[in-house]
Amino acid sequence: MLAILEILLECAPALGVFSERALREAGCIAIYGDPEELLNNDDSSPLAPS
């Protein structure tokens, strides 16, 4: 999970550039507003272990 957060933090400046619609059309299956939102929902994230 730490590696994923590091990637998110590196990409954070670009996150506000794309609309949720554009991200969904590009194939994103989960979109979080910030790393804290991902952490708060990590148990229901597609990244969560099954």
PDB file of N, CA and C in Angstrom:
ATOM      1  N   MET A   1       0.829  -1.190   0.000  1.00  0.00           N
ATOM      2  CA  MET A   1       0.000   0.000   0.000  1.00  0.00           C
ATOM      3  C   MET A   1       0.867   1.246   0.000  1.00  0.00           C
ATOM      4  N   LEU A   2       2.009   1.203   0.677  1.00  0.00           N
ATOM      5  CA  LEU A   2       2.885   2.369   0.745  1.00  0.00           C
ATOM      6  C   LEU A   2       3.357   2.785  -0.643  1.00  0.00           C
ATOM      7  N   ALA A   3       3.709   1.833  -1.476  1.00  0.00           N
ATOM      8  CA  ALA A   3       4.163   2.162  -2.831  1.00  0.00           C
ATOM      9  C   ALA A   3       3.066   2.848  -3.625  1.00  0.00           C
ATOM     10  N   ILE A   4       1.838   2.419  -3.437  1.00  0.00           N
ATOM     11  CA  ILE A   4       0.714   3.037  -4.136  1.00  0.00           C
ATOM     12  C   ILE A   4       0.543   4.481  -3.681  1.00  0.00           C
ATOM     13  N   LEU A   5       0.663   4.723  -2.382  1.00  0.00           N
ATOM     14  CA  LEU A   5       0.545   6.087  -1.875  1.00  0.00           C
ATOM     15  C   LEU A   5       1.670   6.968  -2.392  1.00  0.00           C
ATOM     16  N   GLU A   6       2.858   6.409  -2.511  1.00  0.00           N
ATOM     17  CA  GLU A   6       3.976   7.175  -3.055  1.00  0.00           C
ATOM     18  C   GLU A   6       3.695   7.575  -4.500  1.00  0.00           C
ATOM     19  N   ILE A   7       3.122   6.676  -5.271  1.00  0.00           N
ATOM     20  CA  ILE A   7       2.764   6.991  -6.656  1.00  0.00           C
ATOM     21  C   ILE A   7       1.702   8.076  -6.682  1.00  0.00           C
ATOM     22  N   LEU A   8       0.694   7.947  -5.828  1.00  0.00           N
ATOM     23  CA  LEU A   8      -0.353   8.961  -5.779  1.00  0.00           C
ATOM     24  C   LEU A   8       0.207  10.326  -5.435  1.00  0.00           C
ATOM     25  N   LEU A   9       1.106  10.371  -4.484  1.00  0.00           N
ATOM     26  CA  LEU A   9       1.688  11.648  -4.088  1.00  0.00           C
ATOM     27  C   LEU A   9       2.519  12.249  -5.209  1.00  0.00           C
ATOM     28  N   GLU A  10       3.205  11.422  -5.970  1.00  0.00           N
ATOM     29  CA  GLU A  10       3.978  11.910  -7.103  1.00  0.00           C
ATOM     30  C   GLU A  10       3.064  12.462  -8.195  1.00  0.00           C
ATOM     31  N   CYS A  11       1.885  11.876  -8.345  1.00  0.00           N
ATOM     32  CA  CYS A  11       0.955  12.281  -9.399  1.00  0.00           C
ATOM     33  C   CYS A  11      -0.009  13.362  -8.937  1.00  0.00           C
ATOM     34  N   ALA A  12      -0.014  13.676  -7.671  1.00  0.00           N
ATOM     35  CA  ALA A  12      -1.000  14.598  -7.104  1.00  0.00           C
ATOM     36  C   ALA A  12      -1.140  15.909  -7.873  1.00  0.00           C
ATOM     37  N   PRO A  13      -0.051  16.542  -8.321  1.00  0.00           N
ATOM     38  CA  PRO A  13      -0.234  17.801  -9.040  1.00  0.00           C
ATOM     39  C   PRO A  13      -1.074  17.664 -10.309  1.00  0.00           C
ATOM     40  N   ALA A  14      -1.093  16.500 -10.932  1.00  0.00           N
ATOM     41  CA  ALA A  14      -1.851  16.301 -12.167  1.00  0.00           C
ATOM     42  C   ALA A  14      -3.297  15.900 -11.911  1.00  0.00           C
ATOM     43  N   LEU A  15      -3.628  15.485 -10.677  1.00  0.00           N
ATOM     44  CA  LEU A  15      -4.959  14.952 -10.412  1.00  0.00           C
ATOM     45  C   LEU A  15      -6.061  15.965 -10.671  1.00  0.00           C
ATOM     46  N   GLY A  16      -5.825  17.232 -10.384  1.00  0.00           N
ATOM     47  CA  GLY A  16      -6.849  18.245 -10.589  1.00  0.00           C
ATOM     48  C   GLY A  16      -7.040  18.632 -12.041  1.00  0.00           C
ATOM     49  N   VAL A  17      -6.188  18.147 -12.917  1.00  0.00           N
ATOM     50  CA  VAL A  17      -6.221  18.526 -14.327  1.00  0.00           C
ATOM     51  C   VAL A  17      -7.315  17.767 -15.085  1.00  0.00           C
ATOM     52  N   PHE A  18      -7.603  16.553 -14.667  1.00  0.00           N
ATOM     53  CA  PHE A  18      -8.527  15.694 -15.394  1.00  0.00           C
ATOM     54  C   PHE A  18      -9.851  15.567 -14.653  1.00  0.00           C
ATOM     55  N   SER A  19     -10.937  15.598 -15.396  1.00  0.00           N
ATOM     56  CA  SER A  19     -12.251  15.409 -14.789  1.00  0.00           C
ATOM     57  C   SER A  19     -12.454  13.931 -14.464  1.00  0.00           C
ATOM     58  N   GLU A  20     -13.385  13.660 -13.559  1.00  0.00           N
ATOM     59  CA  GLU A  20     -13.684  12.261 -13.239  1.00  0.00           C
ATOM     60  C   GLU A  20     -14.151  11.536 -14.492  1.00  0.00           C
ATOM     61  N   ARG A  21     -14.932  12.195 -15.309  1.00  0.00           N
ATOM     62  CA  ARG A  21     -15.410  11.573 -16.542  1.00  0.00           C
ATOM     63  C   ARG A  21     -14.251  11.161 -17.446  1.00  0.00           C
ATOM     64  N   ALA A  22     -13.275  12.057 -17.613  1.00  0.00           N
ATOM     65  CA  ALA A  22     -12.120  11.747 -18.465  1.00  0.00           C
ATOM     66  C   ALA A  22     -11.334  10.578 -17.896  1.00  0.00           C
ATOM     67  N   LEU A  23     -11.186  10.545 -16.579  1.00  0.00           N
ATOM     68  CA  LEU A  23     -10.467   9.435 -15.957  1.00  0.00           C
ATOM     69  C   LEU A  23     -11.213   8.120 -16.146  1.00  0.00           C
ATOM     70  N   ARG A  24     -12.544   8.135 -15.981  1.00  0.00           N
ATOM     71  CA  ARG A  24     -13.345   6.915 -16.181  1.00  0.00           C
ATOM     72  C   ARG A  24     -13.248   6.441 -17.633  1.00  0.00           C
ATOM     73  N   GLU A  25     -13.340   7.384 -18.575  1.00  0.00           N
ATOM     74  CA  GLU A  25     -13.239   7.027 -19.994  1.00  0.00           C
ATOM     75  C   GLU A  25     -11.865   6.445 -20.327  1.00  0.00           C
ATOM     76  N   ALA A  26     -10.852   6.847 -19.564  1.00  0.00           N
ATOM     77  CA  ALA A  26      -9.498   6.336 -19.784  1.00  0.00           C
ATOM     78  C   ALA A  26      -9.290   4.974 -19.128  1.00  0.00           C
ATOM     79  N   GLY A  27     -10.314   4.514 -18.384  1.00  0.00           N
ATOM     80  CA  GLY A  27     -10.231   3.177 -17.816  1.00  0.00           C
ATOM     81  C   GLY A  27     -10.037   3.105 -16.312  1.00  0.00           C
ATOM     82  N   CYS A  28     -10.036   4.235 -15.619  1.00  0.00           N
ATOM     83  CA  CYS A  28      -9.881   4.193 -14.163  1.00  0.00           C
ATOM     84  C   CYS A  28     -11.087   3.506 -13.534  1.00  0.00           C
ATOM     85  N   ILE A  29     -10.827   2.606 -12.608  1.00  0.00           N
ATOM     86  CA  ILE A  29     -11.926   1.897 -11.943  1.00  0.00           C
ATOM     87  C   ILE A  29     -12.197   2.452 -10.554  1.00  0.00           C
ATOM     88  N   ALA A  30     -11.279   3.274 -10.045  1.00  0.00           N
ATOM     89  CA  ALA A  30     -11.471   3.912  -8.747  1.00  0.00           C
ATOM     90  C   ALA A  30     -10.778   5.270  -8.775  1.00  0.00           C
ATOM     91  N   ILE A  31     -11.472   6.273  -8.290  1.00  0.00           N
ATOM     92  CA  ILE A  31     -10.921   7.622  -8.275  1.00  0.00           C
ATOM     93  C   ILE A  31     -11.083   8.171  -6.863  1.00  0.00           C
ATOM     94  N   TYR A  32      -9.990   8.663  -6.316  1.00  0.00           N
ATOM     95  CA  TYR A  32      -9.995   9.219  -4.964  1.00  0.00           C
ATOM     96  C   TYR A  32      -9.561  10.674  -5.037  1.00  0.00           C
ATOM     97  N   GLY A  33     -10.151  11.495  -4.207  1.00  0.00           N
ATOM     98  CA  GLY A  33      -9.829  12.914  -4.204  1.00  0.00           C
ATOM     99  C   GLY A  33      -8.435  13.214  -3.701  1.00  0.00           C
ATOM    100  N   ASP A  34      -7.943  12.363  -2.804  1.00  0.00           N
ATOM    101  CA  ASP A  34      -6.610  12.550  -2.240  1.00  0.00           C
ATOM    102  C   ASP A  34      -6.185  11.257  -1.549  1.00  0.00           C
ATOM    103  N   PRO A  35      -4.919  11.162  -1.149  1.00  0.00           N
ATOM    104  CA  PRO A  35      -4.446   9.940  -0.504  1.00  0.00           C
ATOM    105  C   PRO A  35      -5.213   9.600   0.779  1.00  0.00           C
ATOM    106  N   GLU A  36      -5.664  10.614   1.507  1.00  0.00           N
ATOM    107  CA  GLU A  36      -6.424  10.353   2.733  1.00  0.00           C
ATOM    108  C   GLU A  36      -7.731   9.621   2.429  1.00  0.00           C
ATOM    109  N   GLU A  37      -8.394  10.015   1.344  1.00  0.00           N
ATOM    110  CA  GLU A  37      -9.639   9.339   0.968  1.00  0.00           C
ATOM    111  C   GLU A  37      -9.368   7.870   0.629  1.00  0.00           C
ATOM    112  N   LEU A  38      -8.271   7.599  -0.046  1.00  0.00           N
ATOM    113  CA  LEU A  38      -7.905   6.212  -0.344  1.00  0.00           C
ATOM    114  C   LEU A  38      -7.651   5.439   0.943  1.00  0.00           C
ATOM    115  N   LEU A  39      -6.909   6.032   1.866  1.00  0.00           N
ATOM    116  CA  LEU A  39      -6.637   5.358   3.136  1.00  0.00           C
ATOM    117  C   LEU A  39      -7.917   5.082   3.914  1.00  0.00           C
ATOM    118  N   ASN A  40      -8.840   6.021   3.893  1.00  0.00           N
ATOM    119  CA  ASN A  40     -10.100   5.853   4.619  1.00  0.00           C
ATOM    120  C   ASN A  40     -11.001   4.808   3.982  1.00  0.00           C
ATOM    121  N   ASN A  41     -10.757   4.470   2.735  1.00  0.00           N
ATOM    122  CA  ASN A  41     -11.587   3.503   2.012  1.00  0.00           C
ATOM    123  C   ASN A  41     -10.777   2.326   1.508  1.00  0.00           C
ATOM    124  N   ASP A  42      -9.615   2.091   2.103  1.00  0.00           N
ATOM    125  CA  ASP A  42      -8.736   1.056   1.572  1.00  0.00           C
ATOM    126  C   ASP A  42      -9.319  -0.343   1.640  1.00  0.00           C
ATOM    127  N   ASP A  43     -10.238  -0.591   2.575  1.00  0.00           N
ATOM    128  CA  ASP A  43     -10.830  -1.935   2.662  1.00  0.00           C
ATOM    129  C   ASP A  43     -11.820  -2.218   1.541  1.00  0.00           C
ATOM    130  N   SER A  44     -12.356  -1.173   0.913  1.00  0.00           N
ATOM    131  CA  SER A  44     -13.306  -1.357  -0.193  1.00  0.00           C
ATOM    132  C   SER A  44     -12.687  -0.981  -1.529  1.00  0.00           C
ATOM    133  N   SER A  45     -11.415  -0.646  -1.532  1.00  0.00           N
ATOM    134  CA  SER A  45     -10.709  -0.260  -2.746  1.00  0.00           C
ATOM    135  C   SER A  45     -10.452  -1.476  -3.628  1.00  0.00           C
ATOM    136  N   PRO A  46     -10.388  -1.272  -4.954  1.00  0.00           N
ATOM    137  CA  PRO A  46      -9.994  -2.372  -5.838  1.00  0.00           C
ATOM    138  C   PRO A  46      -8.566  -2.836  -5.542  1.00  0.00           C
ATOM    139  N   LEU A  47      -7.818  -2.038  -4.803  1.00  0.00           N
ATOM    140  CA  LEU A  47      -6.440  -2.392  -4.452  1.00  0.00           C
ATOM    141  C   LEU A  47      -6.379  -3.272  -3.213  1.00  0.00           C
ATOM    142  N   ALA A  48      -7.495  -3.430  -2.520  1.00  0.00           N
ATOM    143  CA  ALA A  48      -7.529  -4.228  -1.289  1.00  0.00           C
ATOM    144  C   ALA A  48      -7.344  -5.713  -1.607  1.00  0.00           C
ATOM    145  N   PRO A  49      -6.619  -6.396  -0.741  1.00  0.00           N
ATOM    146  CA  PRO A  49      -6.471  -7.843  -0.967  1.00  0.00           C
ATOM    147  C   PRO A  49      -7.822  -8.543  -0.878  1.00  0.00           C
ATOM    148  N   SER A  50      -8.001  -9.551  -1.690  1.00  0.00           N
ATOM    149  CA  SER A  50      -9.294 -10.268  -1.670  1.00  0.00           C
ATOM    150  C   SER A  50      -9.224 -11.536  -0.876  1.00  0.00           C
TER     151      SER A  50
END
